[in-house]
Amino acid sequence: MKSYNDSLHEQLNIPLQRINRDLERIVLHDPDVSSRSIVAQSVLELIRAGGKRLRPMMTIVGSRFGTEPESDDAYRLAAVVELIHAASLVHDDILDQADMRRGQPALHRKTGIYKAVHIGNYMMSRVIELMTSNVQEPERYIQDVASVTTTQLCIGEYQQMHHRYNFELSLDEYWEKTRNKTALLMATCLQVGAKASNADDRVSELLYAFGDHLGMAFQVRDDIMDFTKSAEQLGKPAGADLRNGHATLPVILAMKDGAVASRLRELRSTSPDAAFDEAIEFIRASGALDQALLMSHDFMQRAWDIIDQLSDFNAHEDLRTLWNYFEERTY
């Protein structure tokens, strides 16, 4: 029986050590990069620093809806999507000028920005090569992952960078950025896992929608936690997104209050910490966090409705497990 005191990979019965081993093999068996090089060592450090491994686990769950569940291809895809995610974090930390990642110095703080950019680029580029190697005619699911790697994630980063300190961002613009930066990769993980195991097209599309709703709720919850959790819990200063000029959902909702909006419009990258501290308290008192939480619940309800549509599959229980994991972040 599954216990929600267990870690997620135990609840899903996914051997996390296999995913970690496959990740390390990608780096250690790369014929073009010495295992002693700063590139290989840096990527290995990123892998060994841990992480939830949500995206590779979602890939494996997706594969359980097809005729060839948990194949070698599915595990290869699982490792690849985690590399995509790790590379995006390298670039994200550089753009945000973040000092810490998972309680450790961010990569660019260890290597310098120049080297970190190239290491992130190597990871992204190697992913594309891995996806197309040993394949005569790339399958559609391989093209889906490559598209995420080269377009949407980068577009999401650009959108975030372009709108720094633009707290007048509309909800539609926020949802688009959030989908590009977060939800699309999660949705693609479930979908490509299903496609790699020859799942029915309708099923893979439903899994994509399920992952999209979870991903949107996941990011909204992250936005909320930025204002509710301590620096120790977050591994970065509270309100770090606001301090970096990012218009997250609580900020956009708080802008509806004229008094809060006037404070936020005054913020610049050169504003003193005290100005940001004051703005954070205004946002906390505005009711915006509760409104954002309701929106995350709406995405979670849409995801739950999709589980019911896939109840003919035994693996729908794994979707319930994922849903419960994400829902715990929602409260």
C-alpha atoms as a PDB file:
ATOM      1  CA  MET A   1       0.000   0.000   0.000  1.00  0.00           C
ATOM      2  CA  LYS A   2       1.233   3.473  -0.871  1.00  0.00           C
ATOM      3  CA  SER A   3       1.929   5.753   2.047  1.00  0.00           C
ATOM      4  CA  TYR A   4       2.075   9.501   1.603  1.00  0.00           C
ATOM      5  CA  ASN A   5       4.806   9.561   4.188  1.00  0.00           C
ATOM      6  CA  ASP A   6       6.980   7.871   1.567  1.00  0.00           C
ATOM      7  CA  SER A   7       8.863   9.892  -1.014  1.00  0.00           C
ATOM      8  CA  LEU A   8       7.219  10.343  -4.392  1.00  0.00           C
ATOM      9  CA  HIS A   9       9.397   7.845  -6.253  1.00  0.00           C
ATOM     10  CA  GLU A  10       8.510   5.176  -3.669  1.00  0.00           C
ATOM     11  CA  GLN A  11       4.807   5.922  -4.001  1.00  0.00           C
ATOM     12  CA  LEU A  12       5.123   5.598  -7.777  1.00  0.00           C
ATOM     13  CA  ASN A  13       7.439   2.585  -7.555  1.00  0.00           C
ATOM     14  CA  ILE A  14      10.009   4.242  -9.812  1.00  0.00           C
ATOM     15  CA  PRO A  15      13.693   3.338  -9.245  1.00  0.00           C
ATOM     16  CA  LEU A  16      15.208   6.772  -8.810  1.00  0.00           C
ATOM     17  CA  GLN A  17      18.701   5.265  -8.781  1.00  0.00           C
ATOM     18  CA  ARG A  18      18.200   4.133 -12.378  1.00  0.00           C
ATOM     19  CA  ILE A  19      17.290   7.664 -13.487  1.00  0.00           C
ATOM     20  CA  ASN A  20      20.295   9.082 -11.632  1.00  0.00           C
ATOM     21  CA  ARG A  21      22.553   6.423 -13.129  1.00  0.00           C
ATOM     22  CA  ASP A  22      21.311   7.172 -16.648  1.00  0.00           C
ATOM     23  CA  LEU A  23      21.888  10.881 -16.059  1.00  0.00           C
ATOM     24  CA  GLU A  24      25.488  10.291 -15.014  1.00  0.00           C
ATOM     25  CA  ARG A  25      26.097   7.953 -17.944  1.00  0.00           C
ATOM     26  CA  ILE A  26      25.162  10.692 -20.386  1.00  0.00           C
ATOM     27  CA  VAL A  27      28.004  12.790 -18.989  1.00  0.00           C
ATOM     28  CA  LEU A  28      30.598  10.113 -18.219  1.00  0.00           C
ATOM     29  CA  HIS A  29      30.202   8.334 -21.574  1.00  0.00           C
ATOM     30  CA  ASP A  30      30.349  11.477 -23.691  1.00  0.00           C
ATOM     31  CA  PRO A  31      33.250  10.842 -26.103  1.00  0.00           C
ATOM     32  CA  ASP A  32      33.717  14.542 -26.804  1.00  0.00           C
ATOM     33  CA  VAL A  33      34.043  15.748 -23.217  1.00  0.00           C
ATOM     34  CA  SER A  34      36.605  14.501 -20.727  1.00  0.00           C
ATOM     35  CA  SER A  35      35.084  13.266 -17.477  1.00  0.00           C
ATOM     36  CA  ARG A  36      37.664  15.451 -15.705  1.00  0.00           C
ATOM     37  CA  SER A  37      36.753  18.614 -17.583  1.00  0.00           C
ATOM     38  CA  ILE A  38      35.014  21.521 -15.886  1.00  0.00           C
ATOM     39  CA  VAL A  39      32.002  20.847 -18.126  1.00  0.00           C
ATOM     40  CA  ALA A  40      31.582  17.212 -17.051  1.00  0.00           C
ATOM     41  CA  GLN A  41      32.375  17.901 -13.406  1.00  0.00           C
ATOM     42  CA  SER A  42      29.954  20.818 -13.276  1.00  0.00           C
ATOM     43  CA  VAL A  43      27.121  18.818 -14.823  1.00  0.00           C
ATOM     44  CA  LEU A  44      27.798  15.917 -12.456  1.00  0.00           C
ATOM     45  CA  GLU A  45      27.663  18.319  -9.505  1.00  0.00           C
ATOM     46  CA  LEU A  46      24.300  19.594 -10.729  1.00  0.00           C
ATOM     47  CA  ILE A  47      22.988  16.037 -11.041  1.00  0.00           C
ATOM     48  CA  ARG A  48      24.331  14.928  -7.668  1.00  0.00           C
ATOM     49  CA  ALA A  49      22.990  18.015  -5.900  1.00  0.00           C
ATOM     50  CA  GLY A  50      19.635  16.258  -5.967  1.00  0.00           C
ATOM     51  CA  GLY A  51      16.289  17.657  -6.927  1.00  0.00           C
ATOM     52  CA  LYS A  52      12.793  16.234  -6.978  1.00  0.00           C
ATOM     53  CA  ARG A  53      13.207  14.452 -10.343  1.00  0.00           C
ATOM     54  CA  LEU A  54       9.562  15.304 -10.982  1.00  0.00           C
ATOM     55  CA  ARG A  55       9.912  15.520 -14.738  1.00  0.00           C
ATOM     56  CA  PRO A  56      11.626  12.168 -15.311  1.00  0.00           C
ATOM     57  CA  MET A  57       9.118  10.490 -13.007  1.00  0.00           C
ATOM     58  CA  MET A  58       6.273  12.053 -14.992  1.00  0.00           C
ATOM     59  CA  THR A  59       7.858  10.622 -18.150  1.00  0.00           C
ATOM     60  CA  ILE A  60       7.871   7.114 -16.665  1.00  0.00           C
ATOM     61  CA  VAL A  61       4.276   7.481 -15.469  1.00  0.00           C
ATOM     62  CA  GLY A  62       3.264   8.533 -18.988  1.00  0.00           C
ATOM     63  CA  SER A  63       4.869   5.394 -20.406  1.00  0.00           C
ATOM     64  CA  ARG A  64       2.582   3.244 -18.237  1.00  0.00           C
ATOM     65  CA  PHE A  65      -0.371   4.221 -20.435  1.00  0.00           C
ATOM     66  CA  GLY A  66       1.035   2.461 -23.498  1.00  0.00           C
ATOM     67  CA  THR A  67       1.728  -1.066 -24.659  1.00  0.00           C
ATOM     68  CA  GLU A  68       5.452  -0.914 -23.804  1.00  0.00           C
ATOM     69  CA  PRO A  69       5.622   0.650 -20.323  1.00  0.00           C
ATOM     70  CA  GLU A  70       8.936   1.614 -18.729  1.00  0.00           C
ATOM     71  CA  SER A  71      11.017   0.665 -21.756  1.00  0.00           C
ATOM     72  CA  ASP A  72      14.668   1.612 -22.140  1.00  0.00           C
ATOM     73  CA  ASP A  73      13.498   4.429 -24.431  1.00  0.00           C
ATOM     74  CA  ALA A  74      11.239   5.772 -21.684  1.00  0.00           C
ATOM     75  CA  TYR A  75      14.102   5.856 -19.189  1.00  0.00           C
ATOM     76  CA  ARG A  76      16.383   7.462 -21.764  1.00  0.00           C
ATOM     77  CA  LEU A  77      13.737  10.147 -22.284  1.00  0.00           C
ATOM     78  CA  ALA A  78      13.405  10.555 -18.521  1.00  0.00           C
ATOM     79  CA  ALA A  79      17.124  11.332 -18.200  1.00  0.00           C
ATOM     80  CA  VAL A  80      17.013  13.695 -21.147  1.00  0.00           C
ATOM     81  CA  VAL A  81      14.121  15.796 -19.810  1.00  0.00           C
ATOM     82  CA  GLU A  82      15.905  16.160 -16.476  1.00  0.00           C
ATOM     83  CA  LEU A  83      18.962  17.490 -18.326  1.00  0.00           C
ATOM     84  CA  ILE A  84      16.714  19.990 -20.096  1.00  0.00           C
ATOM     85  CA  HIS A  85      15.329  21.117 -16.760  1.00  0.00           C
ATOM     86  CA  ALA A  86      18.784  21.349 -15.139  1.00  0.00           C
ATOM     87  CA  ALA A  87      20.130  23.396 -18.052  1.00  0.00           C
ATOM     88  CA  SER A  88      17.190  25.787 -17.815  1.00  0.00           C
ATOM     89  CA  LEU A  89      17.965  26.313 -14.118  1.00  0.00           C
ATOM     90  CA  VAL A  90      21.570  27.232 -14.950  1.00  0.00           C
ATOM     91  CA  HIS A  91      20.380  29.943 -17.333  1.00  0.00           C
ATOM     92  CA  ASP A  92      17.583  31.011 -14.981  1.00  0.00           C
ATOM     93  CA  ASP A  93      20.008  31.556 -12.097  1.00  0.00           C
ATOM     94  CA  ILE A  94      22.263  33.679 -14.295  1.00  0.00           C
ATOM     95  CA  LEU A  95      19.395  35.887 -15.470  1.00  0.00           C
ATOM     96  CA  ASP A  96      18.059  36.220 -11.917  1.00  0.00           C
ATOM     97  CA  GLN A  97      21.548  36.809 -10.502  1.00  0.00           C
ATOM     98  CA  ALA A  98      20.707  34.122  -7.944  1.00  0.00           C
ATOM     99  CA  ASP A  99      23.446  33.185  -5.506  1.00  0.00           C
ATOM    100  CA  MET A 100      22.037  29.844  -4.327  1.00  0.00           C
ATOM    101  CA  ARG A 101      20.413  26.769  -5.833  1.00  0.00           C
ATOM    102  CA  ARG A 102      19.245  23.872  -3.652  1.00  0.00           C
ATOM    103  CA  GLY A 103      21.130  25.257  -0.698  1.00  0.00           C
ATOM    104  CA  GLN A 104      24.441  25.432  -2.590  1.00  0.00           C
ATOM    105  CA  PRO A 105      26.164  28.179  -4.573  1.00  0.00           C
ATOM    106  CA  ALA A 106      24.618  28.490  -8.044  1.00  0.00           C
ATOM    107  CA  LEU A 107      26.819  27.194 -10.869  1.00  0.00           C
ATOM    108  CA  HIS A 108      27.728  30.631 -12.191  1.00  0.00           C
ATOM    109  CA  ARG A 109      28.948  31.581  -8.701  1.00  0.00           C
ATOM    110  CA  LYS A 110      31.362  28.650  -8.832  1.00  0.00           C
ATOM    111  CA  THR A 111      32.577  28.914 -12.425  1.00  0.00           C
ATOM    112  CA  GLY A 112      31.836  32.482 -13.451  1.00  0.00           C
ATOM    113  CA  ILE A 113      29.054  33.528 -15.821  1.00  0.00           C
ATOM    114  CA  TYR A 114      31.007  32.897 -19.051  1.00  0.00           C
ATOM    115  CA  LYS A 115      31.696  29.242 -18.258  1.00  0.00           C
ATOM    116  CA  ALA A 116      28.242  28.633 -16.784  1.00  0.00           C
ATOM    117  CA  VAL A 117      26.542  29.905 -19.949  1.00  0.00           C
ATOM    118  CA  HIS A 118      28.581  27.506 -22.073  1.00  0.00           C
ATOM    119  CA  ILE A 119      27.929  24.596 -19.705  1.00  0.00           C
ATOM    120  CA  GLY A 120      24.183  25.257 -19.909  1.00  0.00           C
ATOM    121  CA  ASN A 121      24.419  25.528 -23.689  1.00  0.00           C
ATOM    122  CA  TYR A 122      26.331  22.236 -23.846  1.00  0.00           C
ATOM    123  CA  MET A 123      23.585  20.506 -21.848  1.00  0.00           C
ATOM    124  CA  MET A 124      20.849  21.834 -24.125  1.00  0.00           C
ATOM    125  CA  SER A 125      22.745  20.991 -27.316  1.00  0.00           C
ATOM    126  CA  ARG A 126      23.689  17.517 -26.139  1.00  0.00           C
ATOM    127  CA  VAL A 127      20.041  16.814 -25.406  1.00  0.00           C
ATOM    128  CA  ILE A 128      19.110  17.422 -29.037  1.00  0.00           C
ATOM    129  CA  GLU A 129      21.907  15.140 -30.201  1.00  0.00           C
ATOM    130  CA  LEU A 130      20.842  12.407 -27.794  1.00  0.00           C
ATOM    131  CA  MET A 131      17.238  12.633 -28.956  1.00  0.00           C
ATOM    132  CA  THR A 132      18.141  12.152 -32.613  1.00  0.00           C
ATOM    133  CA  SER A 133      21.013   9.667 -32.294  1.00  0.00           C
ATOM    134  CA  ASN A 134      20.480   6.129 -33.573  1.00  0.00           C
ATOM    135  CA  VAL A 135      17.171   7.137 -35.126  1.00  0.00           C
ATOM    136  CA  GLN A 136      16.783   7.046 -38.907  1.00  0.00           C
ATOM    137  CA  GLU A 137      13.571   9.073 -38.974  1.00  0.00           C
ATOM    138  CA  PRO A 138      12.971  10.906 -35.683  1.00  0.00           C
ATOM    139  CA  GLU A 139       9.646  10.069 -34.086  1.00  0.00           C
ATOM    140  CA  ARG A 140       7.189  12.832 -33.400  1.00  0.00           C
ATOM    141  CA  TYR A 141       7.778  12.635 -29.654  1.00  0.00           C
ATOM    142  CA  ILE A 142      11.492  13.294 -30.190  1.00  0.00           C
ATOM    143  CA  GLN A 143      10.612  16.407 -32.164  1.00  0.00           C
ATOM    144  CA  ASP A 144       8.306  17.486 -29.319  1.00  0.00           C
ATOM    145  CA  VAL A 145      11.144  17.355 -26.780  1.00  0.00           C
ATOM    146  CA  ALA A 146      13.579  19.117 -29.117  1.00  0.00           C
ATOM    147  CA  SER A 147      10.988  21.853 -29.648  1.00  0.00           C
ATOM    148  CA  VAL A 148      10.673  22.393 -25.903  1.00  0.00           C
ATOM    149  CA  THR A 149      14.458  22.559 -25.620  1.00  0.00           C
ATOM    150  CA  THR A 150      15.072  25.063 -28.373  1.00  0.00           C
ATOM    151  CA  THR A 151      12.009  27.276 -28.320  1.00  0.00           C
ATOM    152  CA  GLN A 152       9.460  27.481 -25.521  1.00  0.00           C
ATOM    153  CA  LEU A 153      11.866  27.349 -22.591  1.00  0.00           C
ATOM    154  CA  CYS A 154      14.051  30.017 -24.173  1.00  0.00           C
ATOM    155  CA  ILE A 155      11.009  32.114 -25.061  1.00  0.00           C
ATOM    156  CA  GLY A 156       9.793  31.853 -21.483  1.00  0.00           C
ATOM    157  CA  GLU A 157      13.146  33.041 -20.193  1.00  0.00           C
ATOM    158  CA  TYR A 158      13.112  35.917 -22.663  1.00  0.00           C
ATOM    159  CA  GLN A 159       9.582  36.896 -21.669  1.00  0.00           C
ATOM    160  CA  GLN A 160      10.612  36.982 -18.020  1.00  0.00           C
ATOM    161  CA  MET A 161      13.718  39.023 -18.791  1.00  0.00           C
ATOM    162  CA  HIS A 162      11.854  41.397 -21.117  1.00  0.00           C
ATOM    163  CA  HIS A 163       9.199  42.194 -18.506  1.00  0.00           C
ATOM    164  CA  ARG A 164      11.484  42.807 -15.538  1.00  0.00           C
ATOM    165  CA  TYR A 165      10.026  45.498 -13.274  1.00  0.00           C
ATOM    166  CA  ASN A 166       6.958  45.686 -15.493  1.00  0.00           C
ATOM    167  CA  PHE A 167       4.363  45.020 -12.826  1.00  0.00           C
ATOM    168  CA  GLU A 168       1.595  46.045 -15.232  1.00  0.00           C
ATOM    169  CA  LEU A 169       1.863  42.609 -16.856  1.00  0.00           C
ATOM    170  CA  SER A 170      -1.539  41.244 -17.834  1.00  0.00           C
ATOM    171  CA  LEU A 171      -2.863  37.903 -16.653  1.00  0.00           C
ATOM    172  CA  ASP A 172      -2.782  36.565 -20.218  1.00  0.00           C
ATOM    173  CA  GLU A 173       0.900  37.493 -20.514  1.00  0.00           C
ATOM    174  CA  TYR A 174       1.612  35.866 -17.170  1.00  0.00           C
ATOM    175  CA  TRP A 175      -0.130  32.614 -18.144  1.00  0.00           C
ATOM    176  CA  GLU A 176       1.776  32.484 -21.417  1.00  0.00           C
ATOM    177  CA  LYS A 177       5.120  32.999 -19.672  1.00  0.00           C
ATOM    178  CA  THR A 178       4.266  30.426 -17.011  1.00  0.00           C
ATOM    179  CA  ARG A 179       3.249  27.845 -19.601  1.00  0.00           C
ATOM    180  CA  ASN A 180       6.489  28.359 -21.530  1.00  0.00           C
ATOM    181  CA  LYS A 181       8.770  28.301 -18.483  1.00  0.00           C
ATOM    182  CA  THR A 182       7.165  25.572 -16.414  1.00  0.00           C
ATOM    183  CA  ALA A 183       3.974  23.838 -17.512  1.00  0.00           C
ATOM    184  CA  LEU A 184       4.906  22.942 -21.073  1.00  0.00           C
ATOM    185  CA  LEU A 185       7.872  20.770 -20.091  1.00  0.00           C
ATOM    186  CA  MET A 186       5.838  18.899 -17.461  1.00  0.00           C
ATOM    187  CA  ALA A 187       3.047  18.322 -19.968  1.00  0.00           C
ATOM    188  CA  THR A 188       5.516  17.149 -22.592  1.00  0.00           C
ATOM    189  CA  CYS A 189       7.102  14.684 -20.148  1.00  0.00           C
ATOM    190  CA  LEU A 190       3.843  12.807 -19.647  1.00  0.00           C
ATOM    191  CA  GLN A 191       3.011  12.957 -23.332  1.00  0.00           C
ATOM    192  CA  VAL A 192       6.354  11.756 -24.704  1.00  0.00           C
ATOM    193  CA  GLY A 193       6.464   8.951 -22.147  1.00  0.00           C
ATOM    194  CA  ALA A 194       3.092   7.811 -23.461  1.00  0.00           C
ATOM    195  CA  LYS A 195       4.113   8.175 -27.108  1.00  0.00           C
ATOM    196  CA  ALA A 196       7.348   6.261 -26.531  1.00  0.00           C
ATOM    197  CA  SER A 197       5.265   3.341 -25.240  1.00  0.00           C
ATOM    198  CA  ASN A 198       2.831   3.460 -28.202  1.00  0.00           C
ATOM    199  CA  ALA A 199      -0.088   4.880 -26.275  1.00  0.00           C
ATOM    200  CA  ASP A 200      -3.220   5.944 -28.105  1.00  0.00           C
ATOM    201  CA  ASP A 201      -3.151   9.534 -29.405  1.00  0.00           C
ATOM    202  CA  ARG A 202      -6.228  10.481 -27.376  1.00  0.00           C
ATOM    203  CA  VAL A 203      -4.566   9.192 -24.210  1.00  0.00           C
ATOM    204  CA  SER A 204      -1.327  11.060 -24.848  1.00  0.00           C
ATOM    205  CA  GLU A 205      -3.280  14.274 -25.452  1.00  0.00           C
ATOM    206  CA  LEU A 206      -5.177  13.845 -22.178  1.00  0.00           C
ATOM    207  CA  LEU A 207      -1.888  13.257 -20.356  1.00  0.00           C
ATOM    208  CA  TYR A 208      -0.490  16.415 -21.931  1.00  0.00           C
ATOM    209  CA  ALA A 209      -3.485  18.409 -20.653  1.00  0.00           C
ATOM    210  CA  PHE A 210      -3.127  16.831 -17.197  1.00  0.00           C
ATOM    211  CA  GLY A 211       0.559  17.808 -17.055  1.00  0.00           C
ATOM    212  CA  ASP A 212      -0.208  21.311 -18.273  1.00  0.00           C
ATOM    213  CA  HIS A 213      -2.752  21.888 -15.489  1.00  0.00           C
ATOM    214  CA  LEU A 214      -0.381  20.478 -12.863  1.00  0.00           C
ATOM    215  CA  GLY A 215       2.474  22.609 -14.169  1.00  0.00           C
ATOM    216  CA  MET A 216       0.429  25.795 -14.037  1.00  0.00           C
ATOM    217  CA  ALA A 217      -0.690  25.035 -10.477  1.00  0.00           C
ATOM    218  CA  PHE A 218       2.895  24.151  -9.544  1.00  0.00           C
ATOM    219  CA  GLN A 219       4.219  27.520 -10.716  1.00  0.00           C
ATOM    220  CA  VAL A 220       1.428  29.473  -9.040  1.00  0.00           C
ATOM    221  CA  ARG A 221       2.232  27.691  -5.785  1.00  0.00           C
ATOM    222  CA  ASP A 222       5.904  28.584  -6.218  1.00  0.00           C
ATOM    223  CA  ASP A 223       4.867  32.199  -6.706  1.00  0.00           C
ATOM    224  CA  ILE A 224       2.872  32.078  -3.468  1.00  0.00           C
ATOM    225  CA  MET A 225       5.652  30.372  -1.512  1.00  0.00           C
ATOM    226  CA  ASP A 226       7.998  33.183  -2.501  1.00  0.00           C
ATOM    227  CA  PHE A 227       5.968  35.378  -0.142  1.00  0.00           C
ATOM    228  CA  THR A 228       5.041  32.863   2.555  1.00  0.00           C
ATOM    229  CA  LYS A 229       8.156  30.764   3.187  1.00  0.00           C
ATOM    230  CA  SER A 230      11.372  31.722   4.955  1.00  0.00           C
ATOM    231  CA  ALA A 231      14.734  32.132   3.256  1.00  0.00           C
ATOM    232  CA  GLU A 232      15.859  28.871   4.888  1.00  0.00           C
ATOM    233  CA  GLN A 233      12.892  26.975   3.445  1.00  0.00           C
ATOM    234  CA  LEU A 234      13.262  28.495  -0.010  1.00  0.00           C
ATOM    235  CA  GLY A 235      17.036  28.330  -0.254  1.00  0.00           C
ATOM    236  CA  LYS A 236      16.926  31.986  -1.383  1.00  0.00           C
ATOM    237  CA  PRO A 237      15.732  35.287   0.101  1.00  0.00           C
ATOM    238  CA  ALA A 238      11.993  35.611   0.669  1.00  0.00           C
ATOM    239  CA  GLY A 239      10.428  37.726  -2.057  1.00  0.00           C
ATOM    240  CA  ALA A 240      13.359  36.965  -4.367  1.00  0.00           C
ATOM    241  CA  ASP A 241      11.167  37.077  -7.480  1.00  0.00           C
ATOM    242  CA  LEU A 242       9.863  40.530  -6.623  1.00  0.00           C
ATOM    243  CA  ARG A 243      13.385  41.735  -5.829  1.00  0.00           C
ATOM    244  CA  ASN A 244      14.435  40.513  -9.285  1.00  0.00           C
ATOM    245  CA  GLY A 245      11.598  42.463 -10.860  1.00  0.00           C
ATOM    246  CA  HIS A 246       9.409  39.490 -11.815  1.00  0.00           C
ATOM    247  CA  ALA A 247       5.669  40.082 -12.033  1.00  0.00           C
ATOM    248  CA  THR A 248       4.415  36.833 -10.499  1.00  0.00           C
ATOM    249  CA  LEU A 249       0.719  36.098  -9.991  1.00  0.00           C
ATOM    250  CA  PRO A 250       0.443  37.545  -6.439  1.00  0.00           C
ATOM    251  CA  VAL A 251       2.085  40.750  -7.683  1.00  0.00           C
ATOM    252  CA  ILE A 252      -0.285  41.058 -10.645  1.00  0.00           C
ATOM    253  CA  LEU A 253      -3.317  40.487  -8.416  1.00  0.00           C
ATOM    254  CA  ALA A 254      -2.034  42.907  -5.772  1.00  0.00           C
ATOM    255  CA  MET A 255      -1.710  45.593  -8.455  1.00  0.00           C
ATOM    256  CA  LYS A 256      -5.507  45.843  -8.438  1.00  0.00           C
ATOM    257  CA  ASP A 257      -5.158  47.639  -5.086  1.00  0.00           C
ATOM    258  CA  GLY A 258      -4.269  51.245  -5.880  1.00  0.00           C
ATOM    259  CA  ALA A 259      -2.172  51.748  -2.754  1.00  0.00           C
ATOM    260  CA  VAL A 260      -0.139  48.617  -3.418  1.00  0.00           C
ATOM    261  CA  ALA A 261       0.193  49.434  -7.113  1.00  0.00           C
ATOM    262  CA  SER A 262       1.670  52.857  -6.393  1.00  0.00           C
ATOM    263  CA  ARG A 263       4.326  51.257  -4.171  1.00  0.00           C
ATOM    264  CA  LEU A 264       5.201  48.574  -6.704  1.00  0.00           C
ATOM    265  CA  ARG A 265       5.508  51.044  -9.581  1.00  0.00           C
ATOM    266  CA  GLU A 266       8.266  52.827  -7.661  1.00  0.00           C
ATOM    267  CA  LEU A 267      10.455  49.722  -7.400  1.00  0.00           C
ATOM    268  CA  ARG A 268      13.630  49.532  -9.465  1.00  0.00           C
ATOM    269  CA  SER A 269      16.698  47.324  -9.439  1.00  0.00           C
ATOM    270  CA  THR A 270      18.414  50.114  -7.483  1.00  0.00           C
ATOM    271  CA  SER A 271      15.686  50.344  -4.826  1.00  0.00           C
ATOM    272  CA  PRO A 272      16.876  49.678  -1.254  1.00  0.00           C
ATOM    273  CA  ASP A 273      16.005  46.407   0.476  1.00  0.00           C
ATOM    274  CA  ALA A 274      13.692  48.302   2.801  1.00  0.00           C
ATOM    275  CA  ALA A 275      11.496  49.326  -0.153  1.00  0.00           C
ATOM    276  CA  PHE A 276      11.148  45.708  -1.237  1.00  0.00           C
ATOM    277  CA  ASP A 277      10.487  44.571   2.336  1.00  0.00           C
ATOM    278  CA  GLU A 278       7.691  47.109   2.593  1.00  0.00           C
ATOM    279  CA  ALA A 279       6.224  46.051  -0.783  1.00  0.00           C
ATOM    280  CA  ILE A 280       6.262  42.389   0.272  1.00  0.00           C
ATOM    281  CA  GLU A 281       4.276  43.210   3.400  1.00  0.00           C
ATOM    282  CA  PHE A 282       1.738  45.173   1.335  1.00  0.00           C
ATOM    283  CA  ILE A 283       1.292  42.182  -1.003  1.00  0.00           C
ATOM    284  CA  ARG A 284       0.869  39.787   1.934  1.00  0.00           C
ATOM    285  CA  ALA A 285      -1.853  42.025   3.385  1.00  0.00           C
ATOM    286  CA  SER A 286      -3.639  42.626   0.075  1.00  0.00           C
ATOM    287  CA  GLY A 287      -5.491  39.316  -0.224  1.00  0.00           C
ATOM    288  CA  ALA A 288      -3.601  38.523  -3.430  1.00  0.00           C
ATOM    289  CA  LEU A 289      -2.093  35.329  -2.016  1.00  0.00           C
ATOM    290  CA  ASP A 290      -5.535  33.881  -1.268  1.00  0.00           C
ATOM    291  CA  GLN A 291      -6.749  34.822  -4.744  1.00  0.00           C
ATOM    292  CA  ALA A 292      -3.721  33.147  -6.325  1.00  0.00           C
ATOM    293  CA  LEU A 293      -4.353  30.017  -4.260  1.00  0.00           C
ATOM    294  CA  LEU A 294      -7.917  29.818  -5.586  1.00  0.00           C
ATOM    295  CA  MET A 295      -6.566  29.988  -9.130  1.00  0.00           C
ATOM    296  CA  SER A 296      -4.163  27.141  -8.428  1.00  0.00           C
ATOM    297  CA  HIS A 297      -7.091  25.099  -7.065  1.00  0.00           C
ATOM    298  CA  ASP A 298      -8.913  25.666 -10.341  1.00  0.00           C
ATOM    299  CA  PHE A 299      -6.023  24.168 -12.323  1.00  0.00           C
ATOM    300  CA  MET A 300      -5.893  21.241  -9.902  1.00  0.00           C
ATOM    301  CA  GLN A 301      -9.611  20.572 -10.355  1.00  0.00           C
ATOM    302  CA  ARG A 302      -9.173  20.490 -14.139  1.00  0.00           C
ATOM    303  CA  ALA A 303      -6.363  17.978 -13.699  1.00  0.00           C
ATOM    304  CA  TRP A 304      -8.539  15.824 -11.424  1.00  0.00           C
ATOM    305  CA  ASP A 305     -11.294  15.734 -14.047  1.00  0.00           C
ATOM    306  CA  ILE A 306      -8.813  14.285 -16.554  1.00  0.00           C
ATOM    307  CA  ILE A 307      -7.884  11.457 -14.162  1.00  0.00           C
ATOM    308  CA  ASP A 308     -11.502  10.329 -14.269  1.00  0.00           C
ATOM    309  CA  GLN A 309     -11.317  10.146 -18.074  1.00  0.00           C
ATOM    310  CA  LEU A 310      -8.363   7.735 -17.821  1.00  0.00           C
ATOM    311  CA  SER A 311      -9.837   5.471 -15.134  1.00  0.00           C
ATOM    312  CA  ASP A 312      -9.769   2.449 -17.497  1.00  0.00           C
ATOM    313  CA  PHE A 313      -5.981   2.333 -17.071  1.00  0.00           C
ATOM    314  CA  ASN A 314      -4.364   0.950 -13.938  1.00  0.00           C
ATOM    315  CA  ALA A 315      -1.826   3.754 -14.227  1.00  0.00           C
ATOM    316  CA  HIS A 316      -4.542   6.308 -13.483  1.00  0.00           C
ATOM    317  CA  GLU A 317      -3.697   5.613  -9.829  1.00  0.00           C
ATOM    318  CA  ASP A 318      -0.238   7.027 -10.524  1.00  0.00           C
ATOM    319  CA  LEU A 319      -1.908  10.209 -11.760  1.00  0.00           C
ATOM    320  CA  ARG A 320      -3.766  10.378  -8.458  1.00  0.00           C
ATOM    321  CA  THR A 321      -0.437  10.032  -6.662  1.00  0.00           C
ATOM    322  CA  LEU A 322       1.049  12.874  -8.702  1.00  0.00           C
ATOM    323  CA  TRP A 323      -2.080  14.958  -8.130  1.00  0.00           C
ATOM    324  CA  ASN A 324      -1.875  14.481  -4.359  1.00  0.00           C
ATOM    325  CA  TYR A 325       1.806  15.425  -4.373  1.00  0.00           C
ATOM    326  CA  PHE A 326       1.081  18.648  -6.263  1.00  0.00           C
ATOM    327  CA  GLU A 327      -2.001  19.382  -4.162  1.00  0.00           C
ATOM    328  CA  GLU A 328       0.069  19.297  -0.991  1.00  0.00           C
ATOM    329  CA  ARG A 329       2.001  22.216  -2.476  1.00  0.00           C
ATOM    330  CA  THR A 330      -1.291  24.015  -3.096  1.00  0.00           C
ATOM    331  CA  TYR A 331      -2.337  24.221   0.544  1.00  0.00           C
END
